[in-house]
N, C-alpha and C. Protein backbone atom coordinates (compact mmCIF):
# COMPACT_ATOMS: atom_id res chain seq x y z
N MET A 1 -14.33 11.54 -21.34
CA MET A 1 -14.44 10.69 -19.87
C MET A 1 -15.03 11.26 -18.66
N ALA A 2 -16.23 10.75 -18.46
CA ALA A 2 -16.87 11.37 -17.03
C ALA A 2 -16.01 11.24 -15.77
N LYS A 3 -16.05 12.26 -14.95
CA LYS A 3 -15.52 12.34 -13.93
C LYS A 3 -16.06 11.60 -12.79
N LEU A 4 -15.42 11.14 -11.65
CA LEU A 4 -16.19 10.56 -10.42
C LEU A 4 -16.83 11.54 -9.91
N ASN A 5 -17.85 10.86 -9.61
CA ASN A 5 -19.12 11.75 -8.54
C ASN A 5 -18.75 11.91 -7.17
N ILE A 6 -17.58 12.84 -6.90
CA ILE A 6 -17.48 13.06 -5.48
C ILE A 6 -17.03 14.48 -5.10
N ALA A 7 -17.29 14.60 -3.64
CA ALA A 7 -17.36 15.94 -3.35
C ALA A 7 -15.77 16.66 -3.73
N PRO A 8 -15.86 18.10 -4.15
CA PRO A 8 -14.51 18.31 -3.93
C PRO A 8 -13.78 18.94 -2.87
N THR A 9 -13.13 18.13 -2.05
CA THR A 9 -12.83 18.42 -0.70
C THR A 9 -11.22 18.07 -0.77
N LYS A 10 -10.32 18.80 0.14
CA LYS A 10 -9.14 18.54 0.26
C LYS A 10 -8.53 16.70 0.55
N SER A 11 -9.50 16.34 1.06
CA SER A 11 -9.24 14.81 1.63
C SER A 11 -9.60 14.05 0.36
N ASN A 12 -10.34 14.60 -0.74
CA ASN A 12 -10.86 13.74 -1.73
C ASN A 12 -9.46 14.20 -2.72
N LEU A 13 -8.95 15.55 -2.83
CA LEU A 13 -8.16 15.69 -3.55
C LEU A 13 -6.80 14.79 -3.37
N LEU A 14 -6.44 14.63 -2.25
CA LEU A 14 -5.39 13.66 -1.98
C LEU A 14 -5.52 12.38 -2.07
N ALA A 15 -6.72 11.90 -2.22
CA ALA A 15 -7.00 10.54 -2.38
C ALA A 15 -6.98 10.31 -3.78
N MET A 16 -7.36 11.28 -4.78
CA MET A 16 -7.31 11.24 -6.25
C MET A 16 -5.61 11.19 -6.65
N LYS A 17 -4.84 12.23 -6.05
CA LYS A 17 -3.66 12.17 -6.22
C LYS A 17 -2.91 10.64 -6.08
N GLU A 18 -3.23 10.17 -4.72
CA GLU A 18 -2.73 8.86 -4.40
C GLU A 18 -3.09 7.67 -5.34
N GLN A 19 -4.42 7.91 -5.66
CA GLN A 19 -4.95 6.87 -6.75
C GLN A 19 -4.34 7.10 -8.17
N LEU A 20 -3.92 8.28 -8.33
CA LEU A 20 -3.47 8.55 -9.78
C LEU A 20 -1.99 7.97 -9.78
N ALA A 21 -1.13 8.16 -8.71
CA ALA A 21 0.08 7.72 -8.59
C ALA A 21 0.09 6.29 -8.95
N ILE A 22 -0.83 5.59 -8.05
CA ILE A 22 -0.78 4.17 -8.13
C ILE A 22 -1.23 3.63 -9.33
N SER A 23 -2.08 4.14 -10.17
CA SER A 23 -2.60 3.82 -11.46
C SER A 23 -1.55 4.07 -12.68
N GLN A 24 -0.98 5.44 -12.39
CA GLN A 24 0.30 5.42 -13.33
C GLN A 24 1.54 4.11 -13.17
N ASN A 25 1.82 4.20 -11.84
CA ASN A 25 2.78 3.12 -11.75
C ASN A 25 2.46 1.73 -12.06
N GLY A 26 0.99 1.24 -11.80
CA GLY A 26 0.64 0.03 -12.23
C GLY A 26 0.60 -0.06 -13.83
N TYR A 27 0.30 1.05 -14.45
CA TYR A 27 0.33 1.07 -15.93
C TYR A 27 1.77 0.86 -16.43
N GLU A 28 2.57 1.39 -15.74
CA GLU A 28 4.22 1.15 -16.18
C GLU A 28 4.49 0.04 -15.99
N LEU A 29 4.16 -1.03 -14.84
CA LEU A 29 4.57 -2.21 -14.49
C LEU A 29 3.80 -3.17 -15.36
N LEU A 30 2.80 -2.75 -15.68
CA LEU A 30 1.85 -3.76 -16.74
C LEU A 30 2.48 -3.78 -17.95
N GLU A 31 2.71 -2.52 -18.41
CA GLU A 31 3.26 -2.38 -19.70
C GLU A 31 4.66 -2.95 -19.88
N GLN A 32 5.36 -2.74 -18.93
CA GLN A 32 6.62 -3.83 -18.92
C GLN A 32 6.68 -5.09 -18.78
N LYS A 33 5.47 -5.39 -18.16
CA LYS A 33 5.12 -7.25 -18.01
C LYS A 33 4.43 -7.57 -19.48
N ARG A 34 3.90 -6.84 -20.02
CA ARG A 34 3.32 -7.15 -21.57
C ARG A 34 4.39 -7.18 -22.31
N GLU A 35 5.67 -6.41 -22.60
CA GLU A 35 6.53 -6.22 -23.53
C GLU A 35 7.38 -7.63 -23.20
N ILE A 36 7.63 -7.90 -21.91
CA ILE A 36 8.41 -9.26 -21.45
C ILE A 36 7.39 -10.44 -22.06
N LEU A 37 6.31 -10.39 -21.74
CA LEU A 37 5.29 -11.71 -22.14
C LEU A 37 5.65 -11.63 -23.86
N VAL A 38 5.41 -10.67 -24.41
CA VAL A 38 5.15 -10.37 -25.71
C VAL A 38 6.80 -10.87 -26.21
N GLN A 39 7.79 -10.53 -25.81
CA GLN A 39 9.26 -11.17 -26.07
C GLN A 39 9.35 -12.38 -25.98
N GLU A 40 9.02 -13.10 -24.94
CA GLU A 40 9.09 -14.64 -24.41
C GLU A 40 7.96 -15.36 -25.64
N LEU A 41 6.68 -14.59 -25.90
CA LEU A 41 5.86 -15.53 -26.71
C LEU A 41 6.59 -15.60 -28.06
N MET A 42 7.10 -14.40 -28.59
CA MET A 42 7.68 -14.55 -29.85
C MET A 42 8.81 -15.51 -29.84
N ARG A 43 9.48 -15.55 -28.85
CA ARG A 43 10.75 -16.43 -28.69
C ARG A 43 10.22 -18.16 -29.08
N MET A 44 9.06 -18.32 -28.35
CA MET A 44 8.34 -19.50 -28.16
C MET A 44 7.81 -19.90 -29.55
N VAL A 45 7.41 -18.94 -30.25
CA VAL A 45 6.95 -19.07 -31.55
C VAL A 45 7.96 -19.56 -32.38
N ASP A 46 9.08 -18.77 -32.41
CA ASP A 46 10.09 -19.07 -33.29
C ASP A 46 10.57 -20.72 -32.82
N LYS A 47 10.50 -21.12 -31.63
CA LYS A 47 10.63 -22.39 -31.46
C LYS A 47 9.78 -23.49 -31.87
N VAL A 48 8.43 -23.14 -32.13
CA VAL A 48 7.43 -23.87 -32.69
C VAL A 48 7.72 -24.01 -34.27
N LYS A 49 8.22 -22.91 -34.77
CA LYS A 49 8.35 -23.00 -36.22
C LYS A 49 9.76 -23.96 -36.57
N LEU A 50 10.56 -23.64 -35.78
CA LEU A 50 11.68 -24.49 -35.88
C LEU A 50 11.32 -26.19 -35.65
N LEU A 51 10.78 -26.42 -34.50
CA LEU A 51 10.13 -27.63 -34.40
C LEU A 51 9.29 -28.13 -35.82
N GLU A 52 8.54 -27.46 -36.11
CA GLU A 52 7.36 -27.65 -37.15
C GLU A 52 8.52 -28.21 -38.56
N LYS A 53 9.56 -27.47 -38.73
CA LYS A 53 10.28 -27.97 -39.92
C LYS A 53 11.02 -29.35 -39.59
N GLU A 54 11.56 -29.60 -38.35
CA GLU A 54 11.95 -30.76 -37.95
C GLU A 54 10.78 -31.75 -38.15
N ILE A 55 9.70 -31.65 -37.61
CA ILE A 55 8.66 -32.71 -37.63
C ILE A 55 8.45 -33.13 -39.23
N ASN A 56 8.36 -31.79 -39.92
CA ASN A 56 7.88 -32.10 -41.33
C ASN A 56 9.04 -33.03 -41.88
N GLN A 57 10.31 -32.70 -41.52
CA GLN A 57 11.65 -33.81 -42.39
C GLN A 57 11.29 -35.16 -41.43
N SER A 58 11.19 -34.89 -40.20
CA SER A 58 10.77 -36.37 -39.72
C SER A 58 9.92 -37.31 -40.34
N VAL A 59 8.69 -36.54 -40.75
CA VAL A 59 7.45 -37.34 -41.34
C VAL A 59 8.11 -37.86 -42.68
N LYS A 60 8.97 -37.01 -43.40
CA LYS A 60 9.40 -37.29 -44.75
C LYS A 60 10.21 -38.68 -44.59
N ASN A 61 10.66 -38.55 -43.48
CA ASN A 61 11.90 -39.77 -43.49
C ASN A 61 11.11 -41.23 -42.81
N ALA A 62 10.16 -40.90 -42.00
CA ALA A 62 9.54 -41.80 -41.45
C ALA A 62 8.48 -42.64 -42.20
N TYR A 63 7.85 -42.26 -42.98
CA TYR A 63 6.63 -42.68 -43.72
C TYR A 63 7.36 -43.31 -44.80
N PRO A 64 8.17 -43.04 -45.90
CA PRO A 64 8.56 -43.64 -46.78
C PRO A 64 9.33 -44.87 -46.30
N ALA A 65 10.06 -44.75 -45.20
CA ALA A 65 10.83 -46.02 -44.41
C ALA A 65 9.88 -46.98 -44.41
N PHE A 66 8.42 -46.47 -43.66
CA PHE A 66 7.65 -47.36 -43.24
C PHE A 66 7.03 -48.28 -44.58
N LYS A 67 6.76 -47.60 -45.70
CA LYS A 67 6.07 -47.89 -46.76
C LYS A 67 7.40 -49.05 -47.51
N ARG A 68 8.56 -48.86 -47.24
CA ARG A 68 9.72 -49.71 -47.71
C ARG A 68 9.53 -51.11 -46.97
N MET A 69 9.37 -50.75 -45.61
CA MET A 69 9.21 -51.70 -44.64
C MET A 69 8.03 -52.67 -44.91
N LEU A 70 7.13 -52.16 -45.27
CA LEU A 70 5.79 -52.92 -46.03
C LEU A 70 6.24 -53.47 -47.32
N MET A 71 6.69 -53.08 -47.95
CA MET A 71 6.80 -53.91 -49.24
C MET A 71 7.90 -54.92 -49.08
N ALA A 72 8.68 -54.80 -47.90
CA ALA A 72 9.82 -55.77 -48.03
C ALA A 72 9.53 -57.12 -47.14
N ASP A 73 8.57 -56.66 -46.11
CA ASP A 73 8.22 -57.70 -45.06
C ASP A 73 6.77 -58.09 -45.02
N GLY A 74 5.92 -57.35 -45.89
CA GLY A 74 4.43 -57.60 -45.88
C GLY A 74 3.83 -57.21 -44.64
N ALA A 75 2.25 -56.99 -45.05
CA ALA A 75 1.26 -56.65 -44.06
C ALA A 75 1.37 -57.36 -42.54
N ASP A 76 1.38 -58.72 -42.91
CA ASP A 76 1.02 -59.96 -41.88
C ASP A 76 2.16 -59.72 -40.85
N GLN A 77 3.59 -59.76 -41.39
CA GLN A 77 4.53 -59.74 -40.55
C GLN A 77 4.66 -58.36 -39.75
N ILE A 78 4.28 -57.26 -40.42
CA ILE A 78 4.57 -56.21 -39.70
C ILE A 78 3.43 -56.33 -38.62
N LYS A 79 2.07 -56.62 -38.75
CA LYS A 79 1.10 -56.71 -37.64
C LYS A 79 1.42 -57.72 -36.63
N ARG A 80 2.23 -58.92 -37.08
CA ARG A 80 3.04 -59.86 -36.13
C ARG A 80 3.99 -58.97 -34.96
N ILE A 81 4.80 -58.04 -35.78
CA ILE A 81 5.77 -57.40 -34.99
C ILE A 81 5.15 -56.40 -33.94
N ALA A 82 4.08 -55.78 -34.67
CA ALA A 82 3.45 -54.83 -33.98
C ALA A 82 2.60 -54.89 -32.87
N HIS A 83 2.37 -56.27 -32.87
CA HIS A 83 1.50 -56.90 -31.87
C HIS A 83 2.04 -57.32 -30.66
N ASP A 84 3.45 -57.40 -30.85
CA ASP A 84 4.49 -57.68 -29.78
C ASP A 84 5.23 -56.57 -29.15
N VAL A 85 4.97 -55.19 -29.56
CA VAL A 85 5.53 -54.27 -29.43
C VAL A 85 4.73 -53.44 -28.22
N HIS A 86 5.25 -53.29 -26.81
CA HIS A 86 4.39 -52.44 -26.19
C HIS A 86 5.09 -51.46 -25.06
N TYR A 87 4.77 -50.21 -25.15
CA TYR A 87 5.55 -49.39 -24.66
C TYR A 87 4.56 -48.67 -23.29
N GLU A 88 5.19 -48.00 -22.64
CA GLU A 88 4.48 -47.19 -21.58
C GLU A 88 5.02 -45.72 -21.61
N PHE A 89 4.30 -44.92 -21.45
CA PHE A 89 4.42 -43.43 -21.77
C PHE A 89 3.83 -42.66 -20.38
N GLU A 90 4.81 -41.88 -19.96
CA GLU A 90 4.66 -40.98 -18.74
C GLU A 90 4.22 -39.60 -19.06
N MET A 91 3.17 -39.16 -18.81
CA MET A 91 2.48 -37.64 -18.99
C MET A 91 2.25 -37.21 -17.39
N GLN A 92 2.72 -35.94 -17.31
CA GLN A 92 2.37 -35.31 -16.13
C GLN A 92 2.54 -33.79 -16.34
N GLU A 93 1.90 -32.89 -15.43
CA GLU A 93 1.86 -31.50 -15.54
C GLU A 93 3.14 -30.96 -14.94
N LYS A 94 3.85 -30.01 -15.39
CA LYS A 94 4.91 -29.68 -14.82
C LYS A 94 4.80 -27.99 -14.97
N PRO A 95 5.53 -27.56 -13.91
CA PRO A 95 5.39 -25.83 -13.79
C PRO A 95 6.60 -25.35 -14.59
N VAL A 96 6.29 -24.29 -15.29
CA VAL A 96 7.24 -23.54 -16.22
C VAL A 96 7.37 -21.89 -16.02
N THR A 97 8.49 -21.55 -15.56
CA THR A 97 8.40 -19.92 -15.32
C THR A 97 9.27 -19.25 -16.29
N ILE A 98 8.30 -18.39 -16.75
CA ILE A 98 8.59 -17.72 -18.07
C ILE A 98 8.17 -16.22 -17.75
N GLY A 99 9.49 -15.17 -17.83
CA GLY A 99 9.02 -13.69 -17.60
C GLY A 99 8.51 -13.52 -16.08
N GLY A 100 9.29 -14.21 -15.40
CA GLY A 100 9.00 -14.21 -13.87
C GLY A 100 7.32 -14.58 -13.52
N MET A 101 6.77 -15.14 -14.47
CA MET A 101 5.40 -16.07 -14.38
C MET A 101 5.44 -17.58 -14.31
N SER A 102 4.69 -18.14 -13.63
CA SER A 102 4.66 -19.39 -13.61
C SER A 102 3.44 -19.94 -14.63
N PHE A 103 3.70 -21.08 -15.30
CA PHE A 103 2.46 -21.29 -16.39
C PHE A 103 2.80 -23.21 -15.93
N SER A 104 1.81 -23.70 -16.31
CA SER A 104 1.41 -25.27 -16.33
C SER A 104 1.72 -25.85 -17.83
N SER A 105 2.45 -26.59 -17.73
CA SER A 105 2.70 -27.07 -19.02
C SER A 105 2.96 -28.70 -18.94
N ILE A 106 2.95 -29.64 -19.85
CA ILE A 106 2.73 -31.09 -19.91
C ILE A 106 4.37 -31.29 -20.11
N ASP A 107 4.75 -32.52 -19.43
CA ASP A 107 5.97 -33.13 -19.68
C ASP A 107 5.66 -34.91 -20.15
N ILE A 108 6.07 -35.28 -21.12
CA ILE A 108 6.01 -36.35 -21.72
C ILE A 108 7.16 -37.30 -21.59
N LYS A 109 7.29 -38.32 -20.64
CA LYS A 109 8.56 -39.18 -20.84
C LYS A 109 8.63 -40.26 -21.78
N LEU A 110 9.28 -40.26 -22.71
CA LEU A 110 9.44 -41.29 -23.60
C LEU A 110 10.17 -42.50 -23.13
N PRO A 111 9.69 -43.84 -23.07
CA PRO A 111 10.45 -45.12 -22.87
C PRO A 111 11.80 -45.01 -23.72
N GLU A 112 12.48 -46.06 -23.25
CA GLU A 112 13.74 -46.24 -23.81
C GLU A 112 13.38 -47.52 -24.82
N GLN A 113 13.81 -47.18 -25.93
CA GLN A 113 13.65 -47.83 -27.17
C GLN A 113 14.27 -49.27 -26.86
N LYS A 114 13.14 -50.46 -27.07
CA LYS A 114 13.53 -51.96 -26.75
C LYS A 114 13.21 -52.74 -28.10
N LEU A 115 14.05 -53.95 -27.92
CA LEU A 115 13.81 -55.00 -28.84
C LEU A 115 12.57 -56.09 -28.25
N PHE A 116 11.49 -55.87 -28.92
CA PHE A 116 10.13 -56.75 -28.62
C PHE A 116 10.04 -57.93 -29.44
N TYR A 117 10.83 -57.74 -30.63
CA TYR A 117 10.59 -58.97 -31.54
C TYR A 117 11.95 -59.79 -31.65
N SER A 118 11.64 -60.96 -32.12
CA SER A 118 13.02 -61.69 -32.25
C SER A 118 13.75 -61.26 -33.77
N MET A 119 14.83 -61.59 -33.80
CA MET A 119 15.88 -61.22 -34.69
C MET A 119 15.53 -61.75 -36.00
N ILE A 120 15.09 -63.30 -35.74
CA ILE A 120 14.89 -64.26 -36.81
C ILE A 120 13.45 -63.61 -37.35
N GLY A 121 13.55 -63.58 -38.83
CA GLY A 121 12.27 -63.04 -39.35
C GLY A 121 12.13 -61.69 -39.58
N THR A 122 13.06 -60.83 -39.29
CA THR A 122 12.92 -59.41 -39.17
C THR A 122 13.99 -59.01 -39.97
N TYR A 123 13.89 -57.73 -40.48
CA TYR A 123 14.97 -57.11 -41.30
C TYR A 123 15.43 -55.84 -40.55
N ALA A 124 16.60 -55.47 -40.89
CA ALA A 124 17.15 -53.98 -40.55
C ALA A 124 16.34 -52.90 -40.75
N ASN A 125 15.57 -52.85 -41.88
CA ASN A 125 14.55 -51.82 -41.99
C ASN A 125 13.63 -51.80 -40.62
N THR A 126 13.14 -52.85 -40.17
CA THR A 126 12.29 -52.76 -39.08
C THR A 126 12.98 -51.87 -37.86
N ASP A 127 13.99 -52.12 -37.60
CA ASP A 127 14.98 -50.97 -36.32
C ASP A 127 14.90 -49.69 -37.07
N ASP A 128 14.99 -49.50 -38.50
CA ASP A 128 15.26 -48.27 -38.80
C ASP A 128 13.92 -47.43 -38.75
N VAL A 129 12.63 -48.36 -39.13
CA VAL A 129 11.30 -47.59 -39.03
C VAL A 129 11.14 -47.20 -37.46
N ILE A 130 11.50 -48.20 -36.62
CA ILE A 130 11.00 -47.82 -35.23
C ILE A 130 11.90 -46.84 -34.60
N ALA A 131 13.15 -46.55 -35.10
CA ALA A 131 13.98 -45.44 -34.61
C ALA A 131 13.21 -44.18 -35.31
N LYS A 132 12.89 -44.22 -36.47
CA LYS A 132 12.55 -42.95 -37.16
C LYS A 132 11.22 -42.48 -36.55
N PHE A 133 10.29 -43.55 -36.32
CA PHE A 133 9.26 -43.00 -35.58
C PHE A 133 9.40 -42.72 -34.17
N PHE A 134 10.13 -43.24 -33.42
CA PHE A 134 10.44 -42.74 -32.13
C PHE A 134 11.26 -41.15 -32.13
N LYS A 135 11.85 -40.89 -33.32
CA LYS A 135 12.42 -39.71 -33.10
C LYS A 135 11.04 -38.64 -33.45
N LEU A 136 10.39 -39.04 -34.38
CA LEU A 136 9.21 -38.39 -34.50
C LEU A 136 7.95 -38.07 -33.70
N LEU A 137 8.03 -39.14 -32.71
CA LEU A 137 7.39 -39.02 -31.57
C LEU A 137 7.84 -37.82 -30.73
N SER A 138 9.26 -38.17 -30.29
CA SER A 138 10.02 -37.21 -29.67
C SER A 138 9.71 -35.65 -29.89
N LEU A 139 9.77 -35.61 -31.12
CA LEU A 139 9.74 -34.06 -31.66
C LEU A 139 8.11 -33.52 -31.56
N LEU A 140 7.28 -34.67 -31.59
CA LEU A 140 5.81 -34.32 -31.37
C LEU A 140 5.44 -34.13 -29.77
N THR A 141 5.99 -34.80 -28.92
CA THR A 141 5.92 -34.37 -27.62
C THR A 141 6.44 -33.12 -26.95
N GLN A 142 7.64 -32.91 -27.90
CA GLN A 142 8.08 -31.45 -27.43
C GLN A 142 7.15 -30.48 -27.91
N MET A 143 6.71 -30.61 -29.17
CA MET A 143 5.83 -29.50 -29.75
C MET A 143 4.40 -29.32 -28.85
N ALA A 144 3.86 -30.41 -28.28
CA ALA A 144 2.93 -30.33 -27.42
C ALA A 144 3.12 -29.51 -26.17
N SER A 145 4.19 -29.67 -25.73
CA SER A 145 4.80 -29.14 -24.52
C SER A 145 5.02 -27.52 -24.66
N ILE A 146 5.77 -27.30 -25.94
CA ILE A 146 5.70 -25.85 -26.23
C ILE A 146 4.65 -25.15 -26.67
N ARG A 147 3.64 -25.70 -27.44
CA ARG A 147 2.35 -25.29 -27.68
C ARG A 147 1.42 -24.89 -26.52
N THR A 148 1.46 -25.69 -25.53
CA THR A 148 1.00 -25.30 -24.13
C THR A 148 1.45 -24.35 -23.81
N ILE A 149 2.55 -24.11 -23.56
CA ILE A 149 3.12 -22.77 -23.18
C ILE A 149 2.71 -21.51 -24.13
N VAL A 150 2.80 -21.73 -24.98
CA VAL A 150 2.31 -20.65 -26.12
C VAL A 150 1.10 -20.17 -25.86
N TRP A 151 0.11 -21.04 -25.63
CA TRP A 151 -1.16 -20.85 -25.28
C TRP A 151 -1.55 -20.12 -24.02
N ARG A 152 -0.74 -20.56 -23.23
CA ARG A 152 -0.80 -19.88 -21.92
C ARG A 152 -0.09 -18.62 -21.88
N LEU A 153 0.90 -18.22 -22.47
CA LEU A 153 1.47 -17.06 -22.74
C LEU A 153 0.63 -16.23 -23.48
N ALA A 154 0.19 -16.51 -24.72
CA ALA A 154 -0.95 -15.64 -25.55
C ALA A 154 -2.01 -15.21 -24.49
N ASP A 155 -2.80 -16.09 -23.85
CA ASP A 155 -3.80 -15.89 -23.17
C ASP A 155 -3.44 -14.58 -21.80
N GLU A 156 -1.97 -14.91 -21.56
CA GLU A 156 -1.51 -13.75 -20.20
C GLU A 156 -1.50 -12.37 -20.96
N VAL A 157 -0.90 -12.73 -22.11
CA VAL A 157 -0.78 -11.35 -22.96
C VAL A 157 -2.08 -10.66 -23.14
N LYS A 158 -3.15 -11.26 -23.62
CA LYS A 158 -4.57 -10.57 -23.75
C LYS A 158 -5.01 -10.07 -22.12
N LYS A 159 -4.92 -10.57 -21.11
CA LYS A 159 -5.09 -10.40 -20.09
C LYS A 159 -4.36 -9.00 -19.47
N THR A 160 -3.13 -9.15 -20.01
CA THR A 160 -2.26 -7.92 -19.62
C THR A 160 -2.57 -6.61 -20.38
N GLN A 161 -3.08 -6.87 -21.74
CA GLN A 161 -3.41 -5.73 -22.70
C GLN A 161 -4.60 -5.14 -22.15
N ARG A 162 -5.37 -6.15 -21.75
CA ARG A 162 -6.85 -5.56 -21.51
C ARG A 162 -6.83 -4.49 -20.19
N ARG A 163 -5.89 -5.01 -19.19
CA ARG A 163 -5.54 -4.16 -18.01
C ARG A 163 -4.55 -2.92 -18.36
N VAL A 164 -3.87 -2.71 -19.33
CA VAL A 164 -3.39 -1.79 -19.61
C VAL A 164 -4.19 -1.06 -20.40
N ASN A 165 -5.13 -1.34 -21.00
CA ASN A 165 -6.17 -0.61 -21.96
C ASN A 165 -6.90 0.13 -21.04
N ALA A 166 -7.37 -0.86 -19.99
CA ALA A 166 -8.58 -0.10 -18.81
C ALA A 166 -7.88 1.13 -18.17
N LEU A 167 -6.53 0.88 -17.70
CA LEU A 167 -5.74 2.01 -17.06
C LEU A 167 -5.51 3.29 -17.68
N ASP A 168 -5.11 2.73 -19.08
CA ASP A 168 -4.84 3.86 -20.02
C ASP A 168 -6.09 4.53 -20.47
N LYS A 169 -7.03 3.78 -20.86
CA LYS A 169 -8.14 4.73 -21.45
C LYS A 169 -9.42 4.95 -20.59
N MET A 170 -9.32 4.25 -19.21
CA MET A 170 -10.36 4.73 -18.44
C MET A 170 -10.09 5.33 -17.01
N VAL A 171 -9.30 4.43 -16.50
CA VAL A 171 -8.88 4.73 -14.99
C VAL A 171 -7.99 5.85 -14.88
N ILE A 172 -7.01 5.92 -15.67
CA ILE A 172 -6.26 7.24 -15.51
C ILE A 172 -6.63 8.53 -15.96
N PRO A 173 -7.26 8.75 -16.95
CA PRO A 173 -8.14 9.69 -17.35
C PRO A 173 -9.11 10.23 -16.68
N GLN A 174 -9.94 9.23 -16.05
CA GLN A 174 -11.06 9.42 -15.25
C GLN A 174 -10.53 10.14 -13.79
N THR A 175 -9.30 9.63 -13.32
CA THR A 175 -8.85 10.09 -12.11
C THR A 175 -8.15 11.67 -12.25
N LEU A 176 -7.56 11.66 -13.62
CA LEU A 176 -7.12 12.84 -13.98
C LEU A 176 -7.98 14.14 -14.11
N GLU A 177 -9.14 13.68 -14.66
CA GLU A 177 -10.12 14.62 -14.52
C GLU A 177 -11.07 15.02 -13.43
N THR A 178 -11.01 14.07 -12.39
CA THR A 178 -11.50 14.39 -11.01
C THR A 178 -10.57 15.09 -10.52
N LYS A 179 -9.39 14.90 -10.65
CA LYS A 179 -8.42 15.58 -9.71
C LYS A 179 -8.45 17.17 -10.17
N GLN A 180 -8.42 17.27 -11.78
CA GLN A 180 -8.37 18.54 -11.92
C GLN A 180 -9.87 19.38 -11.73
N PHE A 181 -11.08 18.81 -11.79
CA PHE A 181 -12.02 19.25 -11.32
C PHE A 181 -12.14 19.60 -9.72
N ILE A 182 -11.53 18.84 -8.85
CA ILE A 182 -11.42 19.02 -7.45
C ILE A 182 -10.72 20.22 -7.11
N GLU A 183 -9.64 20.48 -8.05
CA GLU A 183 -8.45 21.44 -7.61
C GLU A 183 -9.13 22.72 -8.25
N ASN A 184 -9.72 22.73 -9.54
CA ASN A 184 -10.52 24.06 -9.80
C ASN A 184 -11.72 24.38 -8.87
N ALA A 185 -12.35 23.46 -8.09
CA ALA A 185 -13.38 23.78 -7.24
C ALA A 185 -12.92 24.61 -6.00
N LEU A 186 -11.74 23.80 -5.67
CA LEU A 186 -10.88 24.25 -4.44
C LEU A 186 -10.32 25.93 -4.72
N GLU A 187 -9.68 25.90 -5.93
CA GLU A 187 -9.16 27.18 -6.27
C GLU A 187 -10.35 28.35 -6.34
N GLU A 188 -11.29 27.91 -6.85
CA GLU A 188 -12.49 28.99 -7.24
C GLU A 188 -13.21 29.23 -5.58
N LYS A 189 -13.18 28.21 -4.70
CA LYS A 189 -13.56 28.40 -3.44
C LYS A 189 -12.52 29.41 -2.53
N GLU A 190 -11.31 29.24 -2.89
CA GLU A 190 -10.51 30.12 -2.03
C GLU A 190 -10.38 31.38 -2.60
N ARG A 191 -10.58 31.56 -4.07
CA ARG A 191 -10.89 33.08 -4.67
C ARG A 191 -12.01 33.53 -3.82
N GLU A 192 -12.93 32.74 -3.83
CA GLU A 192 -14.28 33.61 -3.22
C GLU A 192 -14.10 33.62 -1.68
N ASN A 193 -13.17 32.84 -0.96
CA ASN A 193 -12.98 33.20 0.47
C ASN A 193 -12.29 34.40 0.45
N VAL A 194 -11.24 34.54 -0.23
CA VAL A 194 -10.49 35.91 -0.45
C VAL A 194 -11.27 36.97 -0.70
N PHE A 195 -12.06 36.91 -1.68
CA PHE A 195 -13.09 38.35 -1.87
C PHE A 195 -13.83 38.37 -0.95
N VAL A 196 -14.30 37.47 0.08
CA VAL A 196 -15.54 37.55 0.97
C VAL A 196 -14.20 38.37 2.33
N LEU A 197 -13.23 37.79 2.34
CA LEU A 197 -12.35 38.62 3.44
C LEU A 197 -11.98 39.92 3.15
N LYS A 198 -11.57 40.19 1.84
CA LYS A 198 -11.09 41.57 1.61
C LYS A 198 -12.57 42.42 1.50
N ALA A 199 -13.60 41.74 1.20
CA ALA A 199 -15.01 42.80 1.45
C ALA A 199 -15.09 43.10 2.75
N LEU A 200 -14.96 42.11 3.60
CA LEU A 200 -15.16 42.50 5.25
C LEU A 200 -14.21 43.32 5.82
N LYS A 201 -13.13 43.35 5.20
CA LYS A 201 -11.97 43.85 5.86
C LYS A 201 -12.40 45.52 5.23
N LYS A 202 -12.61 45.59 4.16
CA LYS A 202 -13.17 47.03 3.87
C LYS A 202 -14.48 47.58 4.37
N LYS A 203 -15.22 46.51 4.57
CA LYS A 203 -16.48 47.01 5.59
C LYS A 203 -16.06 47.40 7.04
N ASN A 204 -15.08 46.77 7.64
CA ASN A 204 -14.48 47.21 9.07
C ASN A 204 -13.92 48.26 8.98
N GLU A 205 -13.22 48.57 7.92
CA GLU A 205 -12.30 49.87 7.65
C GLU A 205 -13.06 50.90 7.74
N ARG A 206 -14.50 50.88 6.80
CA ARG A 206 -15.12 52.10 6.62
C ARG A 206 -16.18 52.33 8.19
N LYS A 207 -16.36 51.12 8.80
CA LYS A 207 -17.17 51.21 9.90
C LYS A 207 -16.07 52.32 11.04
N ARG A 208 -14.98 51.66 11.17
CA ARG A 208 -13.97 52.23 12.11
C ARG A 208 -13.76 53.73 11.76
N GLN A 209 -13.76 54.25 10.29
CA GLN A 209 -13.58 55.55 10.04
C GLN A 209 -15.04 56.36 10.40
N GLU A 210 -15.86 55.52 10.15
CA GLU A 210 -17.24 56.44 10.54
C GLU A 210 -17.19 56.63 12.00
N GLU A 211 -16.88 55.59 12.89
CA GLU A 211 -16.75 55.91 14.38
C GLU A 211 -15.64 56.96 14.48
N GLU A 212 -14.61 56.83 13.92
CA GLU A 212 -13.75 58.02 14.28
C GLU A 212 -14.04 59.72 13.86
N ASP A 213 -14.81 59.65 12.60
CA ASP A 213 -15.50 60.81 12.20
C ASP A 213 -16.62 61.44 13.32
N GLU A 214 -17.33 60.36 14.11
CA GLU A 214 -18.19 60.81 14.90
C GLU A 214 -17.79 61.49 16.30
């Protein structure tokens, strides 16, 4: 890692020490943040896995029920029922705070299940099918919300990891090397000054001795 191209002065040494302290502190904070985000991400992934199982089971319940309804009522009857069914769904963005950070997700509000068709000419399996598909829809909306959070968390983990790597592999080593270079240069300069002072002292002592001898 190449050091920074700066003059080896005491002021620059103080600046390097300050930058090093800030970088090391920042590294520790970012590493803590990364660990918290990873933990939260794993927790959300577990939620996704559980929801996937529920969705798969709901699909296994809903579609066979629909097939039974199709066989019992006929396609024309189902089309007439479906034509009368109208629902309004509300979708909006919602803020979510995870690990001390704010993310944006989606919130889908399902309408209450209503009876849009006449009881005459319909069967109990009609209500059963609608109830099962409502449950499936509810699970799918939950999955959409959680997956949105998972994507946001994963992206934030990547960004944080890049910053951690930059500090660990570049900024901190470079600052350390520059600090060491300045310290070595200042120590060498100090040794040279001491050597010069000693030489001048000896020269002055010889000069006084010569003057006394005269």
